[in-house]
Every structure is written in structure tokens, then in C-alpha cells.
Amino acid sequence: MFTHTSRYYSIETVTYSSADGQEHRYKRRRFLPNPADMQKLAEVTVTQGDRLDMITAKALGDPEQFWRICDMNYAMNPPDLTKEIGHKLIIPLPQFES
């Protein structure tokens, strides 16, 4: 369902059976991991016009991996990370589930 680079890849898929007998598959809730359990790759300072996808593309080579920077900086709302000029973002060393 999800590629190995997705934040949902390792989350368990479960099934709910509704009263009418239909089965509904869904992923369990994903909680933000503890940044202390991650390794730091780099640190960048937010400048005017920065976007998280652009920072991620430059730092990790894939703009869709922005969620890794969110996790490392314990952010639930991605735009918050680039809202303040001069804010320092920690870029994590990517770890992929197998």
C-alpha cells in the first residue's frame, strides 16, 4: 500500500467490520517519534522564501521526505518550520524500514 519511504510504511494495517458486514482496512494512528532516537545529518537555517520541500530536496534528495525533517524537529504542522527566518532546522539521517 505504501512505499518503503513513506512515513506510514511500518504502521500496522488493521480491519474494522461495520454493522452491515463490510470490512474497512486502515492504518493505525502514527505518533511522532522521539527526535532523540534519530541521528543528525545536518543543520540548516531558514532564509527568506524557503519552503520545506525545497530544503528537503536539497538535503535529502527527495522533496517528499519532508516528514523526516518534521519528525526530527518534532513538528506536526510542516509550514511552522519555515515560518520564522533564522530558525534552525535539524536534518535527520534518513533511516528506512525494511
PDB file of N, CA and C in Angstrom:
ATOM      1  N   MET A   1       0.820  -1.193   0.000  1.00  0.00           N
ATOM      2  CA  MET A   1       0.000   0.000   0.000  1.00  0.00           C
ATOM      3  C   MET A   1       0.869   1.264   0.000  1.00  0.00           C
ATOM      4  N   PHE A   2       1.915   1.273   0.806  1.00  0.00           N
ATOM      5  CA  PHE A   2       2.808   2.424   0.886  1.00  0.00           C
ATOM      6  C   PHE A   2       4.231   1.977   0.544  1.00  0.00           C
ATOM      7  N   THR A   3       4.989   2.853  -0.098  1.00  0.00           N
ATOM      8  CA  THR A   3       6.378   2.526  -0.418  1.00  0.00           C
ATOM      9  C   THR A   3       7.234   2.559   0.851  1.00  0.00           C
ATOM     10  N   HIS A   4       8.414   1.989   0.770  1.00  0.00           N
ATOM     11  CA  HIS A   4       9.293   1.919   1.936  1.00  0.00           C
ATOM     12  C   HIS A   4       9.769   3.291   2.413  1.00  0.00           C
ATOM     13  N   THR A   5       9.597   4.331   1.614  1.00  0.00           N
ATOM     14  CA  THR A   5       9.995   5.681   2.028  1.00  0.00           C
ATOM     15  C   THR A   5       8.851   6.471   2.666  1.00  0.00           C
ATOM     16  N   SER A   6       7.684   5.870   2.739  1.00  0.00           N
ATOM     17  CA  SER A   6       6.516   6.543   3.321  1.00  0.00           C
ATOM     18  C   SER A   6       6.559   6.508   4.844  1.00  0.00           C
ATOM     19  N   ARG A   7       6.080   7.555   5.451  1.00  0.00           N
ATOM     20  CA  ARG A   7       6.013   7.589   6.921  1.00  0.00           C
ATOM     21  C   ARG A   7       5.029   6.557   7.461  1.00  0.00           C
ATOM     22  N   TYR A   8       4.158   6.038   6.610  1.00  0.00           N
ATOM     23  CA  TYR A   8       3.154   5.068   7.043  1.00  0.00           C
ATOM     24  C   TYR A   8       3.533   3.624   6.751  1.00  0.00           C
ATOM     25  N   TYR A   9       4.685   3.409   6.122  1.00  0.00           N
ATOM     26  CA  TYR A   9       5.093   2.072   5.691  1.00  0.00           C
ATOM     27  C   TYR A   9       5.075   1.052   6.829  1.00  0.00           C
ATOM     28  N   SER A  10       5.641   1.402   7.961  1.00  0.00           N
ATOM     29  CA  SER A  10       5.769   0.441   9.061  1.00  0.00           C
ATOM     30  C   SER A  10       4.580   0.437  10.018  1.00  0.00           C
ATOM     31  N   ILE A  11       3.583   1.274   9.762  1.00  0.00           N
ATOM     32  CA  ILE A  11       2.411   1.327  10.628  1.00  0.00           C
ATOM     33  C   ILE A  11       1.487   0.154  10.293  1.00  0.00           C
ATOM     34  N   GLU A  12       0.996  -0.498  11.314  1.00  0.00           N
ATOM     35  CA  GLU A  12       0.139  -1.669  11.141  1.00  0.00           C
ATOM     36  C   GLU A  12      -1.166  -1.315  10.415  1.00  0.00           C
ATOM     37  N   THR A  13      -1.566  -2.186   9.495  1.00  0.00           N
ATOM     38  CA  THR A  13      -2.863  -2.067   8.825  1.00  0.00           C
ATOM     39  C   THR A  13      -3.834  -2.988   9.550  1.00  0.00           C
ATOM     40  N   VAL A  14      -4.989  -2.462   9.918  1.00  0.00           N
ATOM     41  CA  VAL A  14      -5.992  -3.259  10.629  1.00  0.00           C
ATOM     42  C   VAL A  14      -7.316  -3.209   9.872  1.00  0.00           C
ATOM     43  N   THR A  15      -8.225  -4.067  10.258  1.00  0.00           N
ATOM     44  CA  THR A  15      -9.530  -4.152   9.605  1.00  0.00           C
ATOM     45  C   THR A  15     -10.632  -3.932  10.623  1.00  0.00           C
ATOM     46  N   TYR A  16     -11.603  -3.126  10.228  1.00  0.00           N
ATOM     47  CA  TYR A  16     -12.784  -2.866  11.044  1.00  0.00           C
ATOM     48  C   TYR A  16     -13.979  -3.438  10.292  1.00  0.00           C
ATOM     49  N   SER A  17     -14.805  -4.219  10.978  1.00  0.00           N
ATOM     50  CA  SER A  17     -16.022  -4.751  10.372  1.00  0.00           C
ATOM     51  C   SER A  17     -17.206  -3.935  10.877  1.00  0.00           C
ATOM     52  N   SER A  18     -17.893  -3.276   9.950  1.00  0.00           N
ATOM     53  CA  SER A  18     -19.035  -2.445  10.334  1.00  0.00           C
ATOM     54  C   SER A  18     -20.261  -3.319  10.567  1.00  0.00           C
ATOM     55  N   ALA A  19     -21.303  -2.731  11.109  1.00  0.00           N
ATOM     56  CA  ALA A  19     -22.533  -3.451  11.451  1.00  0.00           C
ATOM     57  C   ALA A  19     -23.159  -4.122  10.237  1.00  0.00           C
ATOM     58  N   ASP A  20     -22.969  -3.540   9.054  1.00  0.00           N
ATOM     59  CA  ASP A  20     -23.553  -4.128   7.848  1.00  0.00           C
ATOM     60  C   ASP A  20     -22.678  -5.227   7.237  1.00  0.00           C
ATOM     61  N   GLY A  21     -21.590  -5.575   7.931  1.00  0.00           N
ATOM     62  CA  GLY A  21     -20.736  -6.663   7.478  1.00  0.00           C
ATOM     63  C   GLY A  21     -19.598  -6.254   6.566  1.00  0.00           C
ATOM     64  N   GLN A  22     -19.536  -5.000   6.209  1.00  0.00           N
ATOM     65  CA  GLN A  22     -18.440  -4.548   5.351  1.00  0.00           C
ATOM     66  C   GLN A  22     -17.147  -4.429   6.155  1.00  0.00           C
ATOM     67  N   GLU A  23     -16.046  -4.755   5.499  1.00  0.00           N
ATOM     68  CA  GLU A  23     -14.743  -4.625   6.139  1.00  0.00           C
ATOM     69  C   GLU A  23     -14.039  -3.376   5.616  1.00  0.00           C
ATOM     70  N   HIS A  24     -13.448  -2.644   6.521  1.00  0.00           N
ATOM     71  CA  HIS A  24     -12.749  -1.407   6.189  1.00  0.00           C
ATOM     72  C   HIS A  24     -11.328  -1.520   6.716  1.00  0.00           C
ATOM     73  N   ARG A  25     -10.356  -1.430   5.800  1.00  0.00           N
ATOM     74  CA  ARG A  25      -8.949  -1.501   6.192  1.00  0.00           C
ATOM     75  C   ARG A  25      -8.412  -0.080   6.383  1.00  0.00           C
ATOM     76  N   TYR A  26      -7.588   0.075   7.405  1.00  0.00           N
ATOM     77  CA  TYR A  26      -6.998   1.378   7.671  1.00  0.00           C
ATOM     78  C   TYR A  26      -5.680   1.210   8.416  1.00  0.00           C
ATOM     79  N   LYS A  27      -4.888   2.249   8.394  1.00  0.00           N
ATOM     80  CA  LYS A  27      -3.633   2.260   9.130  1.00  0.00           C
ATOM     81  C   LYS A  27      -3.900   2.783  10.538  1.00  0.00           C
ATOM     82  N   ARG A  28      -3.212   2.202  11.498  1.00  0.00           N
ATOM     83  CA  ARG A  28      -3.310   2.719  12.863  1.00  0.00           C
ATOM     84  C   ARG A  28      -2.721   4.133  12.909  1.00  0.00           C
ATOM     85  N   ARG A  29      -2.990   4.816  13.972  1.00  0.00           N
ATOM     86  CA  ARG A  29      -2.501   6.180  14.144  1.00  0.00           C
ATOM     87  C   ARG A  29      -0.979   6.198  14.240  1.00  0.00           C
ATOM     88  N   ARG A  30      -0.387   7.202  13.611  1.00  0.00           N
ATOM     89  CA  ARG A  30       1.066   7.368  13.664  1.00  0.00           C
ATOM     90  C   ARG A  30       1.402   8.480  14.655  1.00  0.00           C
ATOM     91  N   PHE A  31       2.262   8.162  15.601  1.00  0.00           N
ATOM     92  CA  PHE A  31       2.707   9.143  16.574  1.00  0.00           C
ATOM     93  C   PHE A  31       4.085   9.660  16.164  1.00  0.00           C
ATOM     94  N   LEU A  32       4.359  10.912  16.475  1.00  0.00           N
ATOM     95  CA  LEU A  32       5.683  11.461  16.180  1.00  0.00           C
ATOM     96  C   LEU A  32       6.735  10.714  16.991  1.00  0.00           C
ATOM     97  N   PRO A  33       7.811  10.309  16.343  1.00  0.00           N
ATOM     98  CA  PRO A  33       8.873   9.638  17.077  1.00  0.00           C
ATOM     99  C   PRO A  33       9.666  10.630  17.925  1.00  0.00           C
ATOM    100  N   ASN A  34      10.428  10.096  18.840  1.00  0.00           N
ATOM    101  CA  ASN A  34      11.273  10.921  19.697  1.00  0.00           C
ATOM    102  C   ASN A  34      12.511  11.331  18.905  1.00  0.00           C
ATOM    103  N   PRO A  35      12.733  12.625  18.692  1.00  0.00           N
ATOM    104  CA  PRO A  35      13.914  13.075  17.942  1.00  0.00           C
ATOM    105  C   PRO A  35      15.234  12.587  18.543  1.00  0.00           C
ATOM    106  N   ALA A  36      15.248  12.323  19.836  1.00  0.00           N
ATOM    107  CA  ALA A  36      16.473  11.840  20.489  1.00  0.00           C
ATOM    108  C   ALA A  36      16.874  10.458  19.974  1.00  0.00           C
ATOM    109  N   ASP A  37      15.930   9.746  19.365  1.00  0.00           N
ATOM    110  CA  ASP A  37      16.213   8.417  18.819  1.00  0.00           C
ATOM    111  C   ASP A  37      16.730   8.477  17.385  1.00  0.00           C
ATOM    112  N   MET A  38      16.885   9.688  16.838  1.00  0.00           N
ATOM    113  CA  MET A  38      17.332   9.864  15.462  1.00  0.00           C
ATOM    114  C   MET A  38      18.744  10.444  15.445  1.00  0.00           C
ATOM    115  N   GLN A  39      19.414  10.224  14.313  1.00  0.00           N
ATOM    116  CA  GLN A  39      20.761  10.777  14.151  1.00  0.00           C
ATOM    117  C   GLN A  39      20.704  12.030  13.289  1.00  0.00           C
ATOM    118  N   LYS A  40      21.477  13.018  13.678  1.00  0.00           N
ATOM    119  CA  LYS A  40      21.545  14.294  12.958  1.00  0.00           C
ATOM    120  C   LYS A  40      22.466  14.170  11.747  1.00  0.00           C
ATOM    121  N   LEU A  41      21.991  14.625  10.603  1.00  0.00           N
ATOM    122  CA  LEU A  41      22.795  14.676   9.380  1.00  0.00           C
ATOM    123  C   LEU A  41      23.401  16.063   9.200  1.00  0.00           C
ATOM    124  N   ALA A  42      22.562  17.085   9.386  1.00  0.00           N
ATOM    125  CA  ALA A  42      22.993  18.466   9.153  1.00  0.00           C
ATOM    126  C   ALA A  42      22.041  19.422   9.860  1.00  0.00           C
ATOM    127  N   GLU A  43      22.387  20.690   9.765  1.00  0.00           N
ATOM    128  CA  GLU A  43      21.533  21.745  10.305  1.00  0.00           C
ATOM    129  C   GLU A  43      21.470  22.851   9.256  1.00  0.00           C
ATOM    130  N   VAL A  44      20.272  23.371   9.006  1.00  0.00           N
ATOM    131  CA  VAL A  44      20.120  24.475   8.056  1.00  0.00           C
ATOM    132  C   VAL A  44      19.375  25.616   8.734  1.00  0.00           C
ATOM    133  N   THR A  45      19.665  26.814   8.269  1.00  0.00           N
ATOM    134  CA  THR A  45      18.988  27.997   8.781  1.00  0.00           C
ATOM    135  C   THR A  45      17.969  28.453   7.742  1.00  0.00           C
ATOM    136  N   VAL A  46      16.752  28.671   8.178  1.00  0.00           N
ATOM    137  CA  VAL A  46      15.674  29.107   7.283  1.00  0.00           C
ATOM    138  C   VAL A  46      15.955  30.529   6.810  1.00  0.00           C
ATOM    139  N   THR A  47      15.865  30.728   5.490  1.00  0.00           N
ATOM    140  CA  THR A  47      16.039  32.051   4.901  1.00  0.00           C
ATOM    141  C   THR A  47      14.747  32.462   4.192  1.00  0.00           C
ATOM    142  N   GLN A  48      14.690  33.720   3.786  1.00  0.00           N
ATOM    143  CA  GLN A  48      13.517  34.259   3.098  1.00  0.00           C
ATOM    144  C   GLN A  48      13.172  33.404   1.873  1.00  0.00           C
ATOM    145  N   GLY A  49      11.925  33.001   1.753  1.00  0.00           N
ATOM    146  CA  GLY A  49      11.458  32.248   0.595  1.00  0.00           C
ATOM    147  C   GLY A  49      11.668  30.747   0.684  1.00  0.00           C
ATOM    148  N   ASP A  50      12.276  30.268   1.747  1.00  0.00           N
ATOM    149  CA  ASP A  50      12.484  28.823   1.889  1.00  0.00           C
ATOM    150  C   ASP A  50      11.155  28.089   2.013  1.00  0.00           C
ATOM    151  N   ARG A  51      11.120  26.925   1.402  1.00  0.00           N
ATOM    152  CA  ARG A  51       9.980  26.011   1.537  1.00  0.00           C
ATOM    153  C   ARG A  51      10.534  24.682   2.004  1.00  0.00           C
ATOM    154  N   LEU A  52       9.764  23.991   2.809  1.00  0.00           N
ATOM    155  CA  LEU A  52      10.236  22.737   3.375  1.00  0.00           C
ATOM    156  C   LEU A  52      10.543  21.696   2.299  1.00  0.00           C
ATOM    157  N   ASP A  53       9.740  21.653   1.242  1.00  0.00           N
ATOM    158  CA  ASP A  53      10.011  20.677   0.177  1.00  0.00           C
ATOM    159  C   ASP A  53      11.337  20.980  -0.528  1.00  0.00           C
ATOM    160  N   MET A  54      11.656  22.257  -0.689  1.00  0.00           N
ATOM    161  CA  MET A  54      12.917  22.636  -1.337  1.00  0.00           C
ATOM    162  C   MET A  54      14.112  22.320  -0.436  1.00  0.00           C
ATOM    163  N   ILE A  55      13.965  22.586   0.846  1.00  0.00           N
ATOM    164  CA  ILE A  55      15.026  22.261   1.805  1.00  0.00           C
ATOM    165  C   ILE A  55      15.262  20.753   1.817  1.00  0.00           C
ATOM    166  N   THR A  56      14.174  20.005   1.815  1.00  0.00           N
ATOM    167  CA  THR A  56      14.267  18.542   1.851  1.00  0.00           C
ATOM    168  C   THR A  56      14.898  17.992   0.580  1.00  0.00           C
ATOM    169  N   ALA A  57      14.512  18.541  -0.574  1.00  0.00           N
ATOM    170  CA  ALA A  57      15.090  18.089  -1.838  1.00  0.00           C
ATOM    171  C   ALA A  57      16.602  18.313  -1.843  1.00  0.00           C
ATOM    172  N   LYS A  58      17.030  19.453  -1.350  1.00  0.00           N
ATOM    173  CA  LYS A  58      18.462  19.772  -1.330  1.00  0.00           C
ATOM    174  C   LYS A  58      19.211  18.905  -0.311  1.00  0.00           C
ATOM    175  N   ALA A  59      18.616  18.715   0.860  1.00  0.00           N
ATOM    176  CA  ALA A  59      19.303  17.997   1.938  1.00  0.00           C
ATOM    177  C   ALA A  59      19.217  16.477   1.804  1.00  0.00           C
ATOM    178  N   LEU A  60      18.060  15.980   1.360  1.00  0.00           N
ATOM    179  CA  LEU A  60      17.851  14.528   1.331  1.00  0.00           C
ATOM    180  C   LEU A  60      17.658  13.964  -0.067  1.00  0.00           C
ATOM    181  N   GLY A  61      17.543  14.859  -1.080  1.00  0.00           N
ATOM    182  CA  GLY A  61      17.404  14.393  -2.452  1.00  0.00           C
ATOM    183  C   GLY A  61      16.003  14.009  -2.860  1.00  0.00           C
ATOM    184  N   ASP A  62      15.018  14.208  -2.006  1.00  0.00           N
ATOM    185  CA  ASP A  62      13.635  13.846  -2.311  1.00  0.00           C
ATOM    186  C   ASP A  62      12.694  14.767  -1.539  1.00  0.00           C
ATOM    187  N   PRO A  63      11.976  15.655  -2.227  1.00  0.00           N
ATOM    188  CA  PRO A  63      11.102  16.602  -1.532  1.00  0.00           C
ATOM    189  C   PRO A  63       9.963  15.938  -0.754  1.00  0.00           C
ATOM    190  N   GLU A  64       9.613  14.707  -1.127  1.00  0.00           N
ATOM    191  CA  GLU A  64       8.523  14.014  -0.432  1.00  0.00           C
ATOM    192  C   GLU A  64       8.939  13.479   0.936  1.00  0.00           C
ATOM    193  N   GLN A  65      10.213  13.607   1.262  1.00  0.00           N
ATOM    194  CA  GLN A  65      10.702  13.151   2.568  1.00  0.00           C
ATOM    195  C   GLN A  65      10.669  14.260   3.622  1.00  0.00           C
ATOM    196  N   PHE A  66       9.914  15.331   3.352  1.00  0.00           N
ATOM    197  CA  PHE A  66       9.806  16.455   4.283  1.00  0.00           C
ATOM    198  C   PHE A  66       9.387  16.003   5.673  1.00  0.00           C
ATOM    199  N   TRP A  67       8.613  14.938   5.724  1.00  0.00           N
ATOM    200  CA  TRP A  67       8.116  14.442   7.013  1.00  0.00           C
ATOM    201  C   TRP A  67       9.250  14.020   7.941  1.00  0.00           C
ATOM    202  N   ARG A  68      10.390  13.638   7.380  1.00  0.00           N
ATOM    203  CA  ARG A  68      11.537  13.256   8.213  1.00  0.00           C
ATOM    204  C   ARG A  68      12.071  14.477   8.975  1.00  0.00           C
ATOM    205  N   ILE A  69      12.092  15.626   8.297  1.00  0.00           N
ATOM    206  CA  ILE A  69      12.532  16.856   8.956  1.00  0.00           C
ATOM    207  C   ILE A  69      11.506  17.269  10.004  1.00  0.00           C
ATOM    208  N   CYS A  70      10.235  17.096   9.702  1.00  0.00           N
ATOM    209  CA  CYS A  70       9.189  17.389  10.691  1.00  0.00           C
ATOM    210  C   CYS A  70       9.381  16.529  11.936  1.00  0.00           C
ATOM    211  N   ASP A  71       9.620  15.229  11.733  1.00  0.00           N
ATOM    212  CA  ASP A  71       9.821  14.330  12.869  1.00  0.00           C
ATOM    213  C   ASP A  71      11.022  14.757  13.703  1.00  0.00           C
ATOM    214  N   MET A  72      12.127  15.056  13.049  1.00  0.00           N
ATOM    215  CA  MET A  72      13.362  15.406  13.763  1.00  0.00           C
ATOM    216  C   MET A  72      13.209  16.698  14.563  1.00  0.00           C
ATOM    217  N   ASN A  73      12.361  17.601  14.055  1.00  0.00           N
ATOM    218  CA  ASN A  73      12.140  18.888  14.716  1.00  0.00           C
ATOM    219  C   ASN A  73      10.846  18.898  15.517  1.00  0.00           C
ATOM    220  N   TYR A  74      10.270  17.721  15.708  1.00  0.00           N
ATOM    221  CA  TYR A  74       9.049  17.489  16.483  1.00  0.00           C
ATOM    222  C   TYR A  74       7.937  18.475  16.102  1.00  0.00           C
ATOM    223  N   ALA A  75       7.648  18.518  14.798  1.00  0.00           N
ATOM    224  CA  ALA A  75       6.641  19.440  14.270  1.00  0.00           C
ATOM    225  C   ALA A  75       5.474  18.668  13.656  1.00  0.00           C
ATOM    226  N   MET A  76       4.282  18.991  14.072  1.00  0.00           N
ATOM    227  CA  MET A  76       3.092  18.373  13.498  1.00  0.00           C
ATOM    228  C   MET A  76       2.566  19.171  12.315  1.00  0.00           C
ATOM    229  N   ASN A  77       2.915  20.451  12.234  1.00  0.00           N
ATOM    230  CA  ASN A  77       2.444  21.324  11.172  1.00  0.00           C
ATOM    231  C   ASN A  77       3.647  21.777  10.338  1.00  0.00           C
ATOM    232  N   PRO A  78       3.888  21.147   9.186  1.00  0.00           N
ATOM    233  CA  PRO A  78       5.086  21.444   8.391  1.00  0.00           C
ATOM    234  C   PRO A  78       5.349  22.923   8.105  1.00  0.00           C
ATOM    235  N   PRO A  79       4.335  23.738   7.761  1.00  0.00           N
ATOM    236  CA  PRO A  79       4.625  25.156   7.479  1.00  0.00           C
ATOM    237  C   PRO A  79       5.226  25.923   8.658  1.00  0.00           C
ATOM    238  N   ASP A  80       5.018  25.444   9.867  1.00  0.00           N
ATOM    239  CA  ASP A  80       5.586  26.119  11.036  1.00  0.00           C
ATOM    240  C   ASP A  80       7.116  26.131  10.997  1.00  0.00           C
ATOM    241  N   LEU A  81       7.707  25.146  10.328  1.00  0.00           N
ATOM    242  CA  LEU A  81       9.163  25.027  10.328  1.00  0.00           C
ATOM    243  C   LEU A  81       9.860  26.111   9.514  1.00  0.00           C
ATOM    244  N   THR A  82       9.176  26.686   8.545  1.00  0.00           N
ATOM    245  CA  THR A  82       9.801  27.720   7.709  1.00  0.00           C
ATOM    246  C   THR A  82       9.164  29.095   7.907  1.00  0.00           C
ATOM    247  N   LYS A  83       8.326  29.204   8.893  1.00  0.00           N
ATOM    248  CA  LYS A  83       7.622  30.470   9.147  1.00  0.00           C
ATOM    249  C   LYS A  83       8.559  31.570   9.651  1.00  0.00           C
ATOM    250  N   GLU A  84       9.562  31.208  10.423  1.00  0.00           N
ATOM    251  CA  GLU A  84      10.438  32.197  11.058  1.00  0.00           C
ATOM    252  C   GLU A  84      11.830  32.189  10.420  1.00  0.00           C
ATOM    253  N   ILE A  85      12.183  33.310   9.793  1.00  0.00           N
ATOM    254  CA  ILE A  85      13.512  33.471   9.199  1.00  0.00           C
ATOM    255  C   ILE A  85      14.561  33.360  10.307  1.00  0.00           C
ATOM    256  N   GLY A  86      15.614  32.605  10.044  1.00  0.00           N
ATOM    257  CA  GLY A  86      16.669  32.421  11.031  1.00  0.00           C
ATOM    258  C   GLY A  86      16.491  31.184  11.899  1.00  0.00           C
ATOM    259  N   HIS A  87      15.316  30.558  11.818  1.00  0.00           N
ATOM    260  CA  HIS A  87      15.056  29.331  12.582  1.00  0.00           C
ATOM    261  C   HIS A  87      15.986  28.222  12.086  1.00  0.00           C
ATOM    262  N   LYS A  88      16.575  27.481  12.987  1.00  0.00           N
ATOM    263  CA  LYS A  88      17.463  26.387  12.616  1.00  0.00           C
ATOM    264  C   LYS A  88      16.698  25.076  12.580  1.00  0.00           C
ATOM    265  N   LEU A  89      16.843  24.368  11.462  1.00  0.00           N
ATOM    266  CA  LEU A  89      16.218  23.058  11.295  1.00  0.00           C
ATOM    267  C   LEU A  89      17.290  21.979  11.356  1.00  0.00           C
ATOM    268  N   ILE A  90      17.008  20.936  12.090  1.00  0.00           N
ATOM    269  CA  ILE A  90      17.904  19.793  12.135  1.00  0.00           C
ATOM    270  C   ILE A  90      17.445  18.804  11.067  1.00  0.00           C
ATOM    271  N   ILE A  91      18.368  18.412  10.213  1.00  0.00           N
ATOM    272  CA  ILE A  91      18.087  17.446   9.160  1.00  0.00           C
ATOM    273  C   ILE A  91      18.523  16.072   9.668  1.00  0.00           C
ATOM    274  N   PRO A  92      17.611  15.087   9.649  1.00  0.00           N
ATOM    275  CA  PRO A  92      17.978  13.769  10.169  1.00  0.00           C
ATOM    276  C   PRO A  92      18.682  12.908   9.112  1.00  0.00           C
ATOM    277  N   LEU A  93      19.438  11.974   9.595  1.00  0.00           N
ATOM    278  CA  LEU A  93      19.996  10.950   8.742  1.00  0.00           C
ATOM    279  C   LEU A  93      18.839  10.008   8.416  1.00  0.00           C
ATOM    280  N   PRO A  94      18.465   9.853   7.153  1.00  0.00           N
ATOM    281  CA  PRO A  94      17.314   9.011   6.822  1.00  0.00           C
ATOM    282  C   PRO A  94      17.530   7.552   7.213  1.00  0.00           C
ATOM    283  N   GLN A  95      16.499   6.978   7.783  1.00  0.00           N
ATOM    284  CA  GLN A  95      16.511   5.565   8.135  1.00  0.00           C
ATOM    285  C   GLN A  95      15.277   4.948   7.507  1.00  0.00           C
ATOM    286  N   PHE A  96      15.473   3.919   6.719  1.00  0.00           N
ATOM    287  CA  PHE A  96      14.365   3.289   6.015  1.00  0.00           C
ATOM    288  C   PHE A  96      14.015   1.962   6.653  1.00  0.00           C
ATOM    289  N   GLU A  97      12.723   1.723   6.748  1.00  0.00           N
ATOM    290  CA  GLU A  97      12.219   0.463   7.268  1.00  0.00           C
ATOM    291  C   GLU A  97      12.457  -0.623   6.239  1.00  0.00           C
ATOM    292  N   SER A  98      12.712  -1.806   6.676  1.00  0.00           N
ATOM    293  CA  SER A  98      12.897  -2.909   5.730  1.00  0.00           C
ATOM    294  C   SER A  98      11.740  -3.885   5.795  1.00  0.00           C
TER     295      SER A  98
END
